[in-house]
């Protein structure tokens, strides 16, 4: 897994403010096998700037070649290598979000940024800092797939309010009477914060009576104006109260490039 964020935090200096640790991270790659997980700093911070993509990919290729040859971890050509053993992996836990705010040292404050998921790494000896890996939703799902495949860990984060699968609900438009699927808004912030996920506005919901209007019908009926910018103050056609700002979204499915045609046999 490429480009994961590693945060090293001195708990005595922690500021419980939203986004306070959003930029305080080191970029790492993760290499996961049935025996362990390696946390790799592939290149120095300077190489991660503009014009260095080729150098970064070259460094990754050298590390991949080393891992395929099953050489000693200490000889991996990376800036730094941290090994998390299978036993330690079995004890990994999600520290943000949590079911109850009081169970976390972050007290429910999104210090790593909105929609980020944080996992605590084992404490390093002789270090005052705690280490956390943070993930977008799609990154976290890839991690849980690997942990399930290699270690049989299926419970990580299931009680933390993280949508391990897409939670959808069926709704019906008041005007067209057509039914359509939308994402459950309870988990929307994870999707909105993930650069790999694209959302499409599918409809609106009245904050008072819960009436649903599809985006196509909203445009046709001119509710909230042509672009819907005034919908929050527009009166609902059913309850006559202000419509509010509840938006409903669908996932945009990315097209998969077709496989190149196989060369004809001579």
Protein backbone atom coordinates (compact mmCIF):
# COMPACT_ATOMS: atom_id res chain seq x y z
CA UNK A 1 0.00 0.00 0.00
CA UNK A 2 1.49 3.31 -1.12
CA UNK A 3 1.36 6.78 0.39
CA UNK A 4 -0.10 6.04 3.84
CA UNK A 5 0.20 8.68 6.57
CA UNK A 6 2.19 7.94 9.74
CA UNK A 7 1.70 10.34 12.65
CA UNK A 8 4.13 10.35 15.61
CA UNK A 9 2.56 12.16 18.58
CA UNK A 10 3.82 13.16 22.00
CA UNK A 11 0.60 12.78 24.04
CA UNK A 12 1.70 15.53 26.45
CA UNK A 13 1.65 18.00 23.55
CA UNK A 14 -1.59 16.86 21.94
CA UNK A 15 -4.03 19.65 21.04
CA UNK A 16 -7.63 18.49 20.83
CA UNK A 17 -8.64 20.65 17.89
CA UNK A 18 -10.07 19.51 14.55
CA UNK A 19 -7.30 18.98 11.95
CA UNK A 20 -4.53 19.82 14.46
CA UNK A 21 -2.49 16.79 13.29
CA UNK A 22 -3.67 16.74 9.68
CA UNK A 23 -0.32 17.92 8.31
CA UNK A 24 1.95 16.38 10.96
CA UNK A 25 2.79 13.13 9.24
CA UNK A 26 5.44 11.13 7.39
CA UNK A 27 4.46 9.36 4.19
CA UNK A 28 5.07 5.61 4.35
CA UNK A 29 4.35 2.48 2.33
CA UNK A 30 3.04 -0.71 3.88
CA UNK A 31 4.15 -4.19 2.84
CA UNK A 32 1.98 -6.95 4.28
CA UNK A 33 2.71 -10.68 4.25
CA UNK A 34 1.36 -13.64 6.25
CA UNK A 35 4.24 -13.18 8.70
CA UNK A 36 4.39 -9.42 9.31
CA UNK A 37 3.72 -5.87 8.18
CA UNK A 38 6.55 -3.52 7.22
CA UNK A 39 6.16 0.23 7.64
CA UNK A 40 8.57 1.74 5.11
CA UNK A 41 9.76 5.30 4.72
CA UNK A 42 10.66 4.94 1.04
CA UNK A 43 12.45 8.25 0.49
CA UNK A 44 13.52 11.36 2.35
CA UNK A 45 10.96 14.14 2.57
CA UNK A 46 12.75 16.17 -0.11
CA UNK A 47 12.19 13.43 -2.69
CA UNK A 48 8.45 13.65 -2.26
CA UNK A 49 8.28 17.13 -3.75
CA UNK A 50 7.68 18.20 -7.32
CA UNK A 51 9.51 16.41 -10.11
CA UNK A 52 10.54 13.46 -7.93
CA UNK A 53 7.92 10.88 -8.89
CA UNK A 54 10.38 8.89 -11.00
CA UNK A 55 12.89 8.72 -8.12
CA UNK A 56 10.17 7.62 -5.74
CA UNK A 57 8.94 4.86 -8.04
CA UNK A 58 12.51 3.72 -8.63
CA UNK A 59 13.04 3.43 -4.86
CA UNK A 60 9.81 1.45 -4.57
CA UNK A 61 10.91 -0.89 -7.36
CA UNK A 62 14.20 -1.56 -5.57
CA UNK A 63 12.37 -2.31 -2.32
CA UNK A 64 9.92 -4.63 -4.10
CA UNK A 65 12.81 -6.52 -5.71
CA UNK A 66 14.47 -6.91 -2.30
CA UNK A 67 11.25 -8.25 -0.76
CA UNK A 68 10.76 -10.76 -3.56
CA UNK A 69 14.25 -12.11 -2.89
CA UNK A 70 13.30 -12.51 0.81
CA UNK A 71 16.44 -10.82 2.08
CA UNK A 72 16.87 -9.61 5.65
CA UNK A 73 14.63 -6.69 6.66
CA UNK A 74 17.66 -4.74 7.89
CA UNK A 75 19.02 -4.67 4.34
CA UNK A 76 15.89 -3.23 2.72
CA UNK A 77 16.93 -0.14 0.70
CA UNK A 78 14.56 2.27 2.46
CA UNK A 79 15.16 5.32 4.64
CA UNK A 80 13.67 3.44 7.59
CA UNK A 81 11.91 0.12 8.21
CA UNK A 82 9.61 -0.70 11.10
CA UNK A 83 8.45 -4.31 11.52
CA UNK A 84 5.07 -5.17 13.02
CA UNK A 85 4.98 -8.87 13.87
CA UNK A 86 2.01 -11.18 13.37
CA UNK A 87 1.43 -11.20 17.13
CA UNK A 88 1.41 -7.40 17.25
CA UNK A 89 -0.90 -7.23 14.22
CA UNK A 90 -3.44 -9.34 16.09
CA UNK A 91 -3.56 -6.59 18.74
CA UNK A 92 -3.98 -3.63 16.39
CA UNK A 93 -6.94 -1.40 17.23
CA UNK A 94 -8.82 1.49 15.72
CA UNK A 95 -8.42 4.59 17.90
CA UNK A 96 -10.44 6.95 15.70
CA UNK A 97 -13.33 6.91 15.25
CA UNK A 98 -14.61 5.01 18.29
CA UNK A 99 -18.08 3.96 19.40
CA UNK A 100 -17.90 6.24 22.44
CA UNK A 101 -15.87 9.47 22.56
CA UNK A 102 -14.72 8.91 26.14
CA UNK A 103 -12.99 5.67 25.10
CA UNK A 104 -10.46 7.59 22.97
CA UNK A 105 -7.62 9.91 23.92
CA UNK A 106 -8.88 12.10 21.07
CA UNK A 107 -12.31 12.50 22.74
CA UNK A 108 -14.13 12.35 19.41
CA UNK A 109 -12.17 15.27 17.92
CA UNK A 110 -11.05 14.70 14.31
CA UNK A 111 -7.45 15.75 14.94
CA UNK A 112 -6.20 13.81 11.86
CA UNK A 113 -8.68 15.48 9.54
CA UNK A 114 -12.32 14.88 8.66
CA UNK A 115 -13.09 11.36 7.51
CA UNK A 116 -9.70 9.89 8.47
CA UNK A 117 -9.40 6.51 10.20
CA UNK A 118 -6.57 6.00 12.70
CA UNK A 119 -4.91 2.79 13.91
CA UNK A 120 -2.41 2.72 16.78
CA UNK A 121 0.93 1.01 16.11
CA UNK A 122 2.82 -0.85 18.87
CA UNK A 123 4.72 1.46 21.20
CA UNK A 124 8.40 1.80 20.25
CA UNK A 125 10.96 1.34 23.01
CA UNK A 126 12.63 4.49 24.38
CA UNK A 127 10.16 6.76 22.56
CA UNK A 128 7.86 9.36 24.10
CA UNK A 129 5.72 9.38 20.99
CA UNK A 130 2.76 7.24 20.06
CA UNK A 131 2.47 6.24 16.41
CA UNK A 132 -0.69 6.14 14.35
CA UNK A 133 -1.36 5.13 10.77
CA UNK A 134 -4.26 7.04 9.23
CA UNK A 135 -6.28 6.01 6.20
CA UNK A 136 -8.94 7.19 3.84
CA UNK A 137 -11.96 4.89 3.60
CA UNK A 138 -10.77 3.10 0.45
CA UNK A 139 -7.26 2.67 1.92
CA UNK A 140 -8.71 1.26 5.13
CA UNK A 141 -10.84 -1.23 3.24
CA UNK A 142 -7.75 -2.48 1.38
CA UNK A 143 -5.95 -2.88 4.71
CA UNK A 144 -8.80 -4.87 6.27
CA UNK A 145 -8.92 -7.14 3.20
CA UNK A 146 -5.21 -7.93 3.64
CA UNK A 147 -5.53 -8.48 7.39
CA UNK A 148 -8.48 -10.79 6.81
CA UNK A 149 -6.68 -12.77 4.11
CA UNK A 150 -3.34 -13.15 5.89
CA UNK A 151 -4.29 -13.15 9.58
CA UNK A 152 -8.00 -13.95 9.72
CA UNK A 153 -8.73 -10.58 11.38
CA UNK A 154 -12.31 -9.63 10.49
CA UNK A 155 -13.35 -7.52 13.47
CA UNK A 156 -11.01 -4.52 13.16
CA UNK A 157 -13.12 -1.39 13.22
CA UNK A 158 -16.51 -3.11 13.06
CA UNK A 159 -17.66 -1.42 16.26
CA UNK A 160 -16.17 1.98 15.38
CA UNK A 161 -18.79 3.30 12.99
CA UNK A 162 -16.67 2.70 9.87
CA UNK A 163 -18.59 1.54 6.77
CA UNK A 164 -16.60 -1.53 5.77
CA UNK A 165 -19.15 -2.01 2.96
CA UNK A 166 -21.31 0.58 1.24
CA UNK A 167 -24.49 1.20 3.23
CA UNK A 168 -27.31 2.13 0.86
CA UNK A 169 -30.96 3.01 1.30
CA UNK A 170 -33.87 3.00 -1.15
CA UNK A 171 -35.82 6.27 -1.45
CA UNK A 172 -38.71 7.47 -3.63
CA UNK A 173 -39.06 10.86 -5.31
CA UNK A 174 -42.19 12.82 -4.30
CA UNK A 175 -42.72 14.12 -7.84
CA UNK A 176 -41.72 11.33 -10.23
CA UNK A 177 -42.53 8.48 -7.79
CA UNK A 178 -39.38 6.77 -9.03
CA UNK A 179 -37.26 4.83 -6.52
CA UNK A 180 -33.48 5.14 -6.41
CA UNK A 181 -30.59 4.12 -4.16
CA UNK A 182 -28.52 6.61 -2.17
CA UNK A 183 -25.73 6.38 0.38
CA UNK A 184 -26.62 6.37 4.05
CA UNK A 185 -25.78 9.91 5.18
CA UNK A 186 -24.54 8.63 8.55
CA UNK A 187 -21.25 7.67 6.89
CA UNK A 188 -21.04 10.47 4.32
CA UNK A 189 -17.95 12.20 5.74
CA UNK A 190 -15.78 9.13 5.02
CA UNK A 191 -16.80 9.22 1.36
CA UNK A 192 -16.46 12.98 0.98
CA UNK A 193 -12.92 12.93 2.42
CA UNK A 194 -11.68 10.12 0.16
CA UNK A 195 -9.98 11.35 -3.05
CA UNK A 196 -10.50 7.91 -4.64
CA UNK A 197 -14.28 8.11 -4.29
CA UNK A 198 -16.47 10.24 -6.54
CA UNK A 199 -19.99 11.19 -5.48
CA UNK A 200 -22.91 12.42 -7.57
CA UNK A 201 -25.76 14.50 -6.14
CA UNK A 202 -28.88 12.35 -6.52
CA UNK A 203 -31.54 14.23 -4.58
CA UNK A 204 -32.58 16.32 -1.58
CA UNK A 205 -34.47 15.56 1.60
CA UNK A 206 -36.65 17.96 3.55
CA UNK A 207 -35.24 18.40 7.04
CA UNK A 208 -38.77 18.67 8.45
CA UNK A 209 -41.05 16.02 6.93
CA UNK A 210 -38.30 13.94 5.21
CA UNK A 211 -39.87 14.35 1.76
CA UNK A 212 -37.52 13.21 -1.01
CA UNK A 213 -36.97 15.03 -4.29
CA UNK A 214 -34.64 13.57 -6.91
CA UNK A 215 -32.18 15.99 -8.46
CA UNK A 216 -33.84 15.58 -11.86
CA UNK A 217 -37.23 16.50 -10.38
CA UNK A 218 -35.72 19.38 -8.40
CA UNK A 219 -34.35 20.86 -11.62
CA UNK A 220 -37.64 20.31 -13.44
CA UNK A 221 -39.68 21.92 -10.65
CA UNK A 222 -37.04 24.64 -10.11
CA UNK A 223 -36.97 24.00 -6.36
CA UNK A 224 -34.26 26.24 -4.91
CA UNK A 225 -33.54 27.82 -8.28
CA UNK A 226 -31.87 26.44 -11.38
CA UNK A 227 -28.78 25.13 -9.53
CA UNK A 228 -30.49 24.53 -6.19
CA UNK A 229 -28.41 27.12 -4.35
CA UNK A 230 -31.45 28.58 -2.59
CA UNK A 231 -32.99 25.25 -1.56
CA UNK A 232 -32.20 25.65 2.15
CA UNK A 233 -34.65 28.56 2.44
CA UNK A 234 -37.19 27.23 -0.08
CA UNK A 235 -40.47 26.00 1.40
CA UNK A 236 -41.15 22.28 1.16
CA UNK A 237 -44.16 21.50 -1.08
CA UNK A 238 -45.52 19.10 1.56
CA UNK A 239 -44.94 20.57 5.04
CA UNK A 240 -44.41 24.19 3.93
CA UNK A 241 -41.32 24.48 6.17
CA UNK A 242 -37.82 25.42 4.98
CA UNK A 243 -36.36 22.55 2.97
CA UNK A 244 -32.91 22.66 4.57
CA UNK A 245 -29.55 21.36 3.30
CA UNK A 246 -29.83 17.57 3.42
CA UNK A 247 -28.29 16.27 0.19
CA UNK A 248 -28.43 12.66 -1.00
CA UNK A 249 -25.59 11.10 -2.96
CA UNK A 250 -24.80 8.12 -5.14
CA UNK A 251 -21.43 6.56 -5.88
CA UNK A 252 -20.02 7.24 -9.31
CA UNK A 253 -18.82 3.93 -10.70
CA UNK A 254 -15.44 4.24 -12.35
CA UNK A 255 -15.10 2.62 -15.72
CA UNK A 256 -12.61 -0.21 -15.83
CA UNK A 257 -10.30 -0.05 -18.85
CA UNK A 258 -10.82 -3.08 -21.08
CA UNK A 259 -8.06 -5.66 -21.26
CA UNK A 260 -5.99 -5.38 -24.44
CA UNK A 261 -7.00 -7.92 -27.02
CA UNK A 262 -4.78 -10.97 -27.11
CA UNK A 263 -2.52 -11.21 -30.13
CA UNK A 264 -3.81 -13.63 -32.74
CA UNK A 265 -1.92 -16.90 -32.87
CA UNK A 266 0.19 -17.22 -35.96
